[in-house]
Protein backbone atom coordinates (compact mmCIF):
# COMPACT_ATOMS: atom_id res chain seq x y z
CA MET A 1 -147.66 43.78 -13.69
CA VAL A 2 -145.31 44.33 -16.66
CA LYS A 3 -142.85 47.23 -16.67
CA ARG A 4 -143.77 49.89 -19.20
CA GLU A 5 -140.52 49.64 -21.18
CA GLU A 6 -140.77 45.83 -21.30
CA LEU A 7 -144.38 45.95 -22.49
CA TYR A 8 -143.51 48.53 -25.17
CA HIS A 9 -140.63 46.32 -26.34
CA VAL A 10 -142.98 43.35 -26.68
CA LEU A 11 -145.56 45.43 -28.55
CA PHE A 12 -142.93 46.73 -31.00
CA GLU A 13 -141.69 43.20 -31.68
CA GLN A 14 -145.16 41.74 -32.09
CA GLN A 15 -146.18 44.50 -34.50
CA GLU A 16 -143.10 43.94 -36.60
CA SER A 17 -143.68 40.19 -36.75
CA PHE A 18 -147.41 40.49 -37.47
CA HIS A 19 -146.90 43.07 -40.23
CA ILE A 20 -144.71 40.79 -42.37
CA GLU A 21 -146.51 40.10 -45.66
CA LYS A 22 -147.18 36.42 -46.29
CA GLU A 23 -149.39 34.36 -48.56
CA PHE A 24 -152.34 32.81 -46.71
CA VAL A 25 -154.97 30.23 -47.52
CA ASP A 26 -158.18 32.23 -47.56
CA ARG A 27 -160.74 31.19 -44.96
CA ASN A 28 -164.40 30.74 -45.79
CA ILE A 29 -165.41 32.48 -42.58
CA LYS A 30 -163.69 35.73 -43.60
CA LYS A 31 -166.82 37.11 -45.30
CA GLU A 32 -168.87 36.54 -42.17
CA VAL A 33 -166.35 38.36 -39.96
CA LEU A 34 -166.17 41.29 -42.38
CA SER A 35 -169.97 41.52 -42.52
CA PHE A 36 -170.07 42.33 -38.79
CA ILE A 37 -167.34 44.97 -38.63
CA HIS A 38 -169.65 47.87 -39.49
CA LEU A 39 -171.67 47.14 -36.33
CA ASN A 40 -168.82 48.47 -34.15
CA LEU A 41 -169.15 45.59 -31.70
CA PRO A 42 -166.31 43.44 -30.33
CA ILE A 43 -165.95 40.33 -32.52
CA ILE A 44 -164.87 37.26 -30.53
CA ILE A 45 -163.33 34.46 -32.63
CA THR A 46 -162.90 31.17 -30.77
CA GLY A 47 -161.45 27.82 -31.76
CA VAL A 48 -158.98 25.12 -30.83
CA ARG A 49 -155.31 26.10 -30.64
CA ARG A 50 -153.63 26.27 -34.07
CA SER A 51 -156.93 26.43 -35.94
CA GLY A 52 -155.68 29.58 -37.69
CA LYS A 53 -157.13 32.38 -35.56
CA SER A 54 -154.02 34.59 -35.74
CA THR A 55 -153.79 34.01 -39.48
CA LEU A 56 -157.45 34.96 -39.85
CA LEU A 57 -156.61 38.30 -38.21
CA CYS A 58 -153.87 38.77 -40.84
CA ILE A 59 -156.34 37.92 -43.60
CA ILE A 60 -158.82 40.47 -42.21
CA ARG A 61 -156.09 43.09 -41.96
CA ASN A 62 -155.04 42.51 -45.57
CA HIS A 63 -158.61 42.64 -46.83
CA LEU A 64 -159.20 45.95 -45.03
CA LYS A 65 -155.86 47.22 -46.43
CA LEU A 66 -154.80 48.48 -43.02
CA LYS A 67 -151.49 50.32 -42.83
CA GLU A 68 -148.98 49.94 -40.04
CA LYS A 69 -150.49 52.56 -37.73
CA ASP A 70 -154.09 51.60 -38.52
CA TYR A 71 -154.07 48.65 -36.14
CA LEU A 72 -152.35 47.27 -33.05
CA TYR A 73 -151.81 43.52 -32.70
CA ILE A 74 -151.25 42.04 -29.23
CA ASN A 75 -150.56 38.35 -28.63
CA PHE A 76 -151.30 37.65 -24.97
CA ASN A 77 -149.92 34.13 -25.39
CA ASP A 78 -146.41 35.65 -25.31
CA GLU A 79 -144.57 34.33 -22.25
CA ARG A 80 -143.18 37.82 -21.64
CA LEU A 81 -146.74 38.89 -20.80
CA THR A 82 -147.26 36.21 -18.15
CA ASP A 83 -147.42 38.87 -15.43
CA PHE A 84 -149.78 41.12 -17.40
CA ALA A 85 -152.19 42.75 -14.96
CA LEU A 86 -155.30 44.92 -15.09
CA GLU A 87 -153.19 48.07 -14.67
CA ASP A 88 -151.25 47.23 -17.85
CA PHE A 89 -154.23 47.80 -20.14
CA GLN A 90 -153.85 51.57 -19.73
CA LYS A 91 -150.24 51.22 -20.92
CA ILE A 92 -151.57 49.81 -24.21
CA ILE A 93 -153.68 52.93 -24.69
CA ASP A 94 -150.64 55.06 -23.79
CA PHE A 95 -148.60 53.16 -26.39
CA ILE A 96 -151.22 53.90 -29.07
CA ASP A 97 -151.13 57.63 -28.20
CA GLU A 98 -147.35 57.93 -27.85
CA GLN A 99 -146.56 56.05 -31.07
CA SER A 100 -148.99 58.12 -33.13
CA TYR A 101 -151.36 55.31 -34.07
CA ASP A 102 -154.67 56.26 -35.62
CA LYS A 103 -156.88 57.35 -32.74
CA ASN A 104 -159.55 54.84 -33.82
CA CYS A 105 -157.13 52.09 -34.80
CA TYR A 106 -158.21 48.46 -34.94
CA LEU A 107 -157.25 46.29 -31.97
CA PHE A 108 -156.40 42.66 -32.70
CA LEU A 109 -156.31 40.93 -29.31
CA ASP A 110 -154.95 37.40 -29.74
CA GLU A 111 -155.42 34.57 -27.18
CA ILE A 112 -156.74 36.96 -24.57
CA GLN A 113 -158.55 34.38 -22.40
CA GLU A 114 -155.87 34.05 -19.72
CA THR A 115 -155.68 37.78 -19.03
CA ALA A 116 -157.80 38.78 -16.04
CA GLY A 117 -160.12 41.74 -16.39
CA TRP A 118 -159.91 42.11 -20.19
CA GLU A 119 -163.72 42.18 -20.49
CA LYS A 120 -164.09 45.44 -18.54
CA TRP A 121 -161.27 47.08 -20.49
CA VAL A 122 -162.78 46.07 -23.84
CA ASP A 123 -166.19 47.29 -22.72
CA ARG A 124 -164.71 50.67 -21.82
CA ILE A 125 -162.90 51.25 -25.13
CA LYS A 126 -165.21 49.46 -27.58
CA GLU A 127 -166.88 52.69 -28.74
CA LYS A 128 -163.52 54.09 -29.83
CA HIS A 129 -161.83 51.07 -31.46
CA PRO A 130 -162.97 48.26 -33.77
CA ILE A 131 -161.94 45.18 -31.75
CA LEU A 132 -161.32 41.60 -32.88
CA ILE A 133 -160.58 39.11 -30.12
CA THR A 134 -159.40 35.52 -30.41
CA GLY A 135 -159.24 32.77 -27.81
CA SER A 136 -158.98 29.01 -27.48
CA ASN A 137 -161.38 28.53 -24.62
CA SER A 138 -165.15 28.79 -24.71
CA LYS A 139 -165.23 30.74 -21.44
CA LEU A 140 -164.88 33.70 -23.81
CA LEU A 141 -168.50 32.96 -24.72
CA SER A 142 -169.77 32.79 -21.15
CA LYS A 143 -172.82 34.66 -19.91
CA GLU A 144 -170.68 36.62 -17.48
CA ILE A 145 -168.58 38.07 -20.31
CA SER A 146 -171.68 38.90 -22.34
CA THR A 147 -173.07 40.72 -19.32
CA ILE A 148 -169.88 42.74 -18.81
CA LEU A 149 -169.84 43.63 -22.51
CA THR A 150 -173.37 44.91 -21.93
CA GLY A 151 -174.64 41.91 -23.83
CA ARG A 152 -173.25 43.15 -27.10
CA SER A 153 -170.58 41.19 -28.90
CA ILE A 154 -170.37 38.97 -31.99
CA ASN A 155 -169.27 35.37 -31.41
CA ILE A 156 -167.76 33.34 -34.28
CA SER A 157 -166.31 29.81 -34.18
CA LEU A 158 -163.29 28.98 -36.33
CA TYR A 159 -162.63 25.33 -37.20
CA PRO A 160 -159.58 23.74 -38.84
CA PHE A 161 -159.50 23.70 -42.64
CA SER A 162 -162.66 22.54 -44.38
CA PHE A 163 -162.13 20.21 -47.33
CA ARG A 164 -162.46 23.19 -49.68
CA GLU A 165 -159.77 25.08 -47.76
CA PHE A 166 -157.60 21.95 -47.67
CA LEU A 167 -157.84 21.69 -51.47
CA GLU A 168 -156.98 25.37 -51.84
CA SER A 169 -153.91 24.88 -49.64
CA ARG A 170 -152.85 22.05 -51.99
CA LYS A 171 -153.37 24.26 -55.05
CA THR A 172 -156.09 21.93 -56.31
CA ASP A 173 -158.39 23.64 -58.80
CA ILE A 174 -162.04 22.95 -57.96
CA ASN A 175 -163.64 25.45 -60.31
CA ASN A 176 -166.49 23.69 -62.12
CA TRP A 177 -165.42 20.43 -60.48
CA GLU A 178 -168.87 18.92 -60.97
CA LEU A 179 -168.53 19.17 -64.76
CA ASN A 180 -164.82 18.35 -64.96
CA LEU A 181 -164.55 14.59 -64.52
CA LYS A 182 -160.76 14.72 -64.83
CA SER A 183 -160.57 16.65 -61.57
CA HIS A 184 -162.53 13.97 -59.69
CA SER A 185 -159.59 11.55 -59.42
CA ARG A 186 -157.33 14.34 -58.10
CA ILE A 187 -159.99 15.40 -55.57
CA ARG A 188 -160.54 11.78 -54.44
CA LYS A 189 -156.79 11.38 -53.94
CA GLU A 190 -156.64 14.54 -51.85
CA PHE A 191 -159.69 13.42 -49.89
CA SER A 192 -158.00 10.17 -48.86
CA GLU A 193 -155.21 12.32 -47.41
CA TYR A 194 -157.63 14.73 -45.74
CA ILE A 195 -159.43 11.87 -43.95
CA SER A 196 -156.34 10.89 -41.99
CA THR A 197 -154.36 14.15 -41.84
CA GLY A 198 -157.23 16.43 -40.84
CA GLY A 199 -157.21 20.17 -41.32
CA ILE A 200 -154.94 21.85 -38.73
CA PRO A 201 -153.58 24.66 -40.94
CA LYS A 202 -149.90 24.57 -39.91
CA VAL A 203 -149.78 20.77 -40.31
CA ILE A 204 -151.16 21.11 -43.85
CA VAL A 205 -149.18 24.16 -44.95
CA ASP A 206 -145.87 22.84 -43.53
CA ASN A 207 -146.72 19.28 -44.66
CA ASP A 208 -145.47 17.90 -41.34
CA LYS A 209 -147.71 15.46 -39.44
CA ARG A 210 -145.32 15.48 -36.47
CA LEU A 211 -146.85 18.83 -35.52
CA LEU A 212 -150.11 17.02 -34.66
CA GLN A 213 -148.62 15.31 -31.61
CA GLU A 214 -146.91 18.53 -30.49
CA ASN A 215 -150.07 20.57 -30.93
CA TYR A 216 -152.24 18.05 -29.12
CA GLU A 217 -149.87 17.85 -26.14
CA ASN A 218 -149.75 21.65 -26.02
CA ILE A 219 -153.54 21.73 -25.76
CA LEU A 220 -153.58 18.90 -23.25
CA TYR A 221 -151.17 20.58 -20.84
CA ARG A 222 -152.09 24.25 -21.31
CA ASP A 223 -155.86 24.00 -21.62
CA ILE A 224 -156.76 20.84 -19.72
CA ILE A 225 -154.25 19.43 -17.21
CA LYS A 226 -153.22 22.76 -15.69
CA ARG A 227 -156.84 23.37 -14.62
CA PHE A 228 -156.83 20.34 -12.33
CA ASN A 229 -154.94 18.87 -9.41
CA GLN A 230 -151.44 17.71 -10.40
CA ASN A 231 -152.34 14.15 -9.35
CA LEU A 232 -154.85 13.97 -12.20
CA GLU A 233 -152.28 14.34 -15.00
CA LYS A 234 -152.06 10.59 -15.71
CA PRO A 235 -155.83 9.94 -15.51
CA ILE A 236 -156.53 12.92 -17.81
CA LYS A 237 -154.09 11.53 -20.38
CA GLU A 238 -155.82 8.15 -20.17
CA ILE A 239 -159.23 9.78 -20.64
CA SER A 240 -157.83 11.68 -23.62
CA VAL A 241 -156.60 8.50 -25.33
CA TYR A 242 -159.88 6.74 -24.53
CA LEU A 243 -161.88 9.53 -26.19
CA LEU A 244 -159.64 9.64 -29.25
CA SER A 245 -159.93 5.87 -29.59
CA ASN A 246 -163.74 5.89 -29.34
CA ILE A 247 -164.67 8.60 -31.82
CA SER A 248 -168.30 8.31 -33.02
CA ASN A 249 -169.11 5.86 -30.19
CA ARG A 250 -171.44 6.32 -27.26
CA LEU A 251 -169.65 7.45 -24.17
CA SER A 252 -169.99 5.63 -20.86
CA ILE A 253 -169.06 7.79 -17.87
CA ARG A 254 -168.69 4.64 -15.73
CA ALA A 255 -166.37 3.01 -18.28
CA LEU A 256 -164.29 6.19 -18.26
CA SER A 257 -164.26 6.10 -14.48
CA LYS A 258 -162.79 2.58 -14.52
CA THR A 259 -160.28 3.45 -17.27
CA ALA A 260 -158.99 6.52 -15.45
CA GLN A 261 -159.44 4.99 -11.98
CA ILE A 262 -161.34 8.06 -10.81
CA LYS A 263 -164.28 7.07 -8.62
CA ASN A 264 -165.81 10.53 -8.42
CA LEU A 265 -168.07 10.81 -11.48
CA SER A 266 -168.40 14.58 -11.09
CA THR A 267 -164.62 14.84 -11.58
CA ILE A 268 -164.94 12.83 -14.81
CA LYS A 269 -167.72 15.13 -15.99
CA SER A 270 -165.63 18.19 -15.12
CA ILE A 271 -162.70 16.85 -17.18
CA LEU A 272 -164.98 16.17 -20.15
CA ASP A 273 -166.44 19.66 -19.82
CA THR A 274 -162.93 21.16 -19.89
CA PHE A 275 -162.07 19.21 -23.06
CA GLU A 276 -165.25 20.55 -24.63
CA LYS A 277 -164.51 24.13 -23.57
CA ALA A 278 -161.08 23.84 -25.21
CA PHE A 279 -162.85 22.79 -28.44
CA VAL A 280 -161.06 19.41 -28.53
CA PHE A 281 -164.06 17.09 -28.18
CA PHE A 282 -167.77 17.47 -28.83
CA PHE A 283 -170.50 15.43 -27.15
CA VAL A 284 -173.74 14.77 -29.03
CA ASN A 285 -177.04 13.95 -27.36
CA LYS A 286 -179.46 11.26 -28.40
CA PHE A 287 -182.54 13.05 -29.69
CA ASP A 288 -185.58 13.04 -27.46
CA PHE A 289 -188.41 15.53 -27.14
CA SER A 290 -187.78 15.34 -23.39
CA VAL A 291 -184.71 17.36 -22.39
CA ARG A 292 -184.45 15.29 -19.19
CA LYS A 293 -184.19 12.07 -21.19
CA GLN A 294 -181.62 13.66 -23.51
CA ILE A 295 -179.44 14.37 -20.49
CA GLN A 296 -179.90 10.86 -19.09
CA ASN A 297 -178.97 9.05 -22.32
CA PRO A 298 -175.31 8.40 -23.22
CA ARG A 299 -173.72 10.92 -25.58
CA LYS A 300 -171.58 10.24 -28.64
CA VAL A 301 -168.08 11.72 -28.85
CA TYR A 302 -166.41 13.48 -31.78
CA CYS A 303 -163.05 15.24 -32.17
CA ILE A 304 -162.11 18.63 -33.59
CA ASP A 305 -159.65 17.10 -36.07
CA ASN A 306 -159.14 13.71 -37.70
CA GLY A 307 -155.36 14.19 -37.50
CA PHE A 308 -155.52 14.05 -33.70
CA VAL A 309 -157.55 10.84 -33.92
CA THR A 310 -155.16 9.04 -36.27
CA LYS A 311 -151.92 10.36 -34.77
CA VAL A 312 -152.66 10.30 -31.03
CA GLY A 313 -155.50 7.78 -30.59
CA PHE A 314 -155.53 3.99 -30.79
CA LYS A 315 -158.16 2.43 -33.00
CA PHE A 316 -157.27 -0.69 -34.90
CA SER A 317 -160.54 -1.32 -36.73
CA GLU A 318 -160.21 -1.65 -40.49
CA ASP A 319 -163.57 0.08 -40.90
CA LYS A 320 -162.74 3.75 -41.53
CA GLY A 321 -166.41 4.74 -41.37
CA TRP A 322 -165.79 6.39 -37.99
CA LEU A 323 -163.31 8.83 -39.58
CA LEU A 324 -165.83 9.70 -42.27
CA GLU A 325 -168.47 10.17 -39.59
CA ASN A 326 -166.21 12.55 -37.69
CA LEU A 327 -165.63 14.61 -40.85
CA VAL A 328 -169.36 14.81 -41.51
CA PHE A 329 -170.01 15.89 -37.92
CA LEU A 330 -167.38 18.66 -38.15
CA GLU A 331 -168.89 19.98 -41.38
CA LEU A 332 -172.33 20.05 -39.79
CA LYS A 333 -170.91 22.00 -36.83
CA ARG A 334 -169.01 24.30 -39.18
CA ASN A 335 -172.34 25.11 -40.77
CA ARG A 336 -173.95 25.68 -37.35
CA LYS A 337 -176.33 22.73 -37.52
CA ASP A 338 -178.07 21.57 -34.35
CA VAL A 339 -176.99 17.91 -34.31
CA TYR A 340 -178.31 14.81 -32.50
CA TYR A 341 -178.13 11.08 -33.02
CA PHE A 342 -181.13 8.75 -33.33
CA SER A 343 -181.53 5.39 -31.60
CA GLU A 344 -184.67 3.29 -31.20
CA LYS A 345 -184.90 -0.14 -32.84
CA GLY A 346 -182.16 0.93 -35.23
CA GLU A 347 -179.73 3.85 -35.29
CA CYS A 348 -179.12 6.87 -37.48
CA ASP A 349 -175.91 8.84 -37.09
CA PHE A 350 -177.22 12.39 -37.43
CA LEU A 351 -180.51 14.19 -37.04
CA ILE A 352 -180.55 17.91 -37.85
CA ARG A 353 -182.97 20.00 -35.82
CA GLN A 354 -184.31 23.38 -36.85
CA GLY A 355 -186.51 25.03 -34.26
CA ILE A 356 -188.75 22.29 -32.87
CA LYS A 357 -188.58 20.10 -35.99
CA ILE A 358 -186.15 17.48 -37.27
CA ILE A 359 -185.49 18.48 -40.88
CA GLU A 360 -182.81 16.02 -42.01
CA ALA A 361 -181.49 12.52 -41.28
CA ILE A 362 -177.99 11.43 -42.34
CA GLN A 363 -176.33 8.01 -42.13
CA VAL A 364 -172.57 7.60 -42.62
CA CYS A 365 -170.64 4.42 -43.50
CA HIS A 366 -167.47 3.61 -45.42
CA GLY A 367 -169.49 1.63 -47.95
CA LEU A 368 -172.77 -0.23 -48.22
CA ASN A 369 -172.24 -4.00 -48.46
CA GLU A 370 -174.00 -7.24 -47.53
CA ASP A 371 -172.81 -6.99 -43.93
CA ASN A 372 -174.15 -3.52 -43.16
CA LYS A 373 -176.65 -2.47 -45.84
CA GLU A 374 -179.75 -3.75 -44.07
CA ARG A 375 -178.72 -2.25 -40.72
CA ASP A 376 -177.75 1.19 -42.06
CA VAL A 377 -180.66 1.55 -44.46
CA ASN A 378 -183.22 0.35 -41.91
CA GLY A 379 -181.85 2.73 -39.26
CA LEU A 380 -182.22 5.64 -41.67
CA ILE A 381 -185.70 4.55 -42.79
CA GLU A 382 -186.83 4.30 -39.16
CA ALA A 383 -185.63 7.87 -38.51
CA LEU A 384 -187.35 9.13 -41.67
CA GLU A 385 -190.62 7.50 -40.64
CA ARG A 386 -190.32 8.70 -37.05
CA PHE A 387 -189.97 12.35 -38.11
CA LYS A 388 -192.14 12.20 -41.25
CA LEU A 389 -189.30 13.00 -43.67
CA LYS A 390 -189.63 12.08 -47.33
CA GLU A 391 -185.96 11.59 -48.10
CA GLY A 392 -182.70 10.77 -46.39
CA LEU A 393 -178.97 10.76 -47.10
CA ILE A 394 -176.33 8.04 -46.81
CA LEU A 395 -172.76 9.32 -47.07
CA THR A 396 -170.05 6.84 -48.07
CA TYR A 397 -166.41 6.87 -49.09
CA ASP A 398 -167.03 6.60 -52.81
CA GLN A 399 -170.42 5.04 -53.58
CA GLU A 400 -173.15 6.94 -55.41
CA ASP A 401 -176.73 5.87 -56.05
CA GLU A 402 -180.36 6.69 -55.41
CA ILE A 403 -182.85 4.16 -54.09
CA GLU A 404 -186.46 4.14 -52.93
CA ILE A 405 -187.62 2.01 -50.01
CA LYS A 406 -190.99 2.11 -48.27
CA GLY A 407 -191.87 5.26 -50.16
CA LYS A 408 -188.73 7.04 -48.93
CA ARG A 409 -186.10 8.35 -51.35
CA ILE A 410 -182.54 7.71 -50.20
CA LYS A 411 -179.65 9.48 -51.83
CA ILE A 412 -176.25 7.76 -51.55
CA MET A 413 -173.33 10.11 -52.06
CA PRO A 414 -169.53 10.17 -51.50
CA VAL A 415 -168.56 12.32 -48.51
CA TRP A 416 -166.07 14.28 -50.64
CA LYS A 417 -168.84 15.39 -53.00
CA TRP A 418 -171.11 16.33 -50.11
CA LEU A 419 -168.31 18.39 -48.52
CA LEU A 420 -167.94 20.40 -51.72
CA GLN A 421 -171.68 21.05 -51.96
CA VAL A 422 -172.74 21.99 -48.41
């Protein structure tokens, strides 16, 4: 429990800090968040640490033109609130009353996931206050929380900067970019930076790649390692490096077991699940109409940010296709696509499912050449034939073309162009 005067002191300081006017890179997801506010339901915004959740709250506040007493911001990640207990929630309501806040003021509850009992408190006050909640763990989306909130909340995922947001942060004008050929060279130059730097907002805005290592270690210790036995710290780090070094590859649980020297496969699976819940890694199933076979087949691994892959991982291959593939995957997730990979005689990187149908097949490679053209094209054609699709897409670093093979139209497009069009 936190003493009343100490809690009030923290709330005063946090309000003062949050209210400072700054210039922010606008986030594409802002419109979606704003579209839900009139429903008077708690809005839960989740994403990896440092993906810009707190800044998004500032952007929402500015858009709504909220004055100082129109909202209360609370950052539960503050170390002074480590002992925050269930009884302390009433003190927040007391603070609102005593400091003459608007009786229906907005509540911005930042990084609330570690605070026990918050769900019941939010459920009790949600009729009175518009509430926006952020957190960096997917347990905020659990069925238990939905049940406590009487099944009524809005869940939104925030990812690091998209390529459009990255360009905006670099003051790159992309208005009418398709017609302005002069802007293409500038955009391509920025794209080559985006591939390796990724989109963690603070890294981009401060132009300091050293923050990637610091941010990743912060996630590793606070969201992963602390949830397991202390003896697993070294194995978890080894699993982390293994995953970062095998982005876009199929994942072998047994290979991980040998790498980390953990014999218990359920422990390995639990560690992977924790990484996924912290939004660090994503695991993609091979498509099969049988759910049982999907579960049995190896999954492919992707990472929330290319900067983590290049700064923390070890991958010495000259073929940068895997970084492009990771970017494409993230954009598909950002757009809420249901993603699988295809593998029969050949392979296709991404299948997009809508309902019970596969509606799109996408292949990604750095460039089509004599060494890989037959393999990549044939893998895509096989997927198109398997799911009766008339056309497919091959995304490359900078090649552009359109070909027809076996009655199938294949569009070849640079990833940077695709990212600006989706």
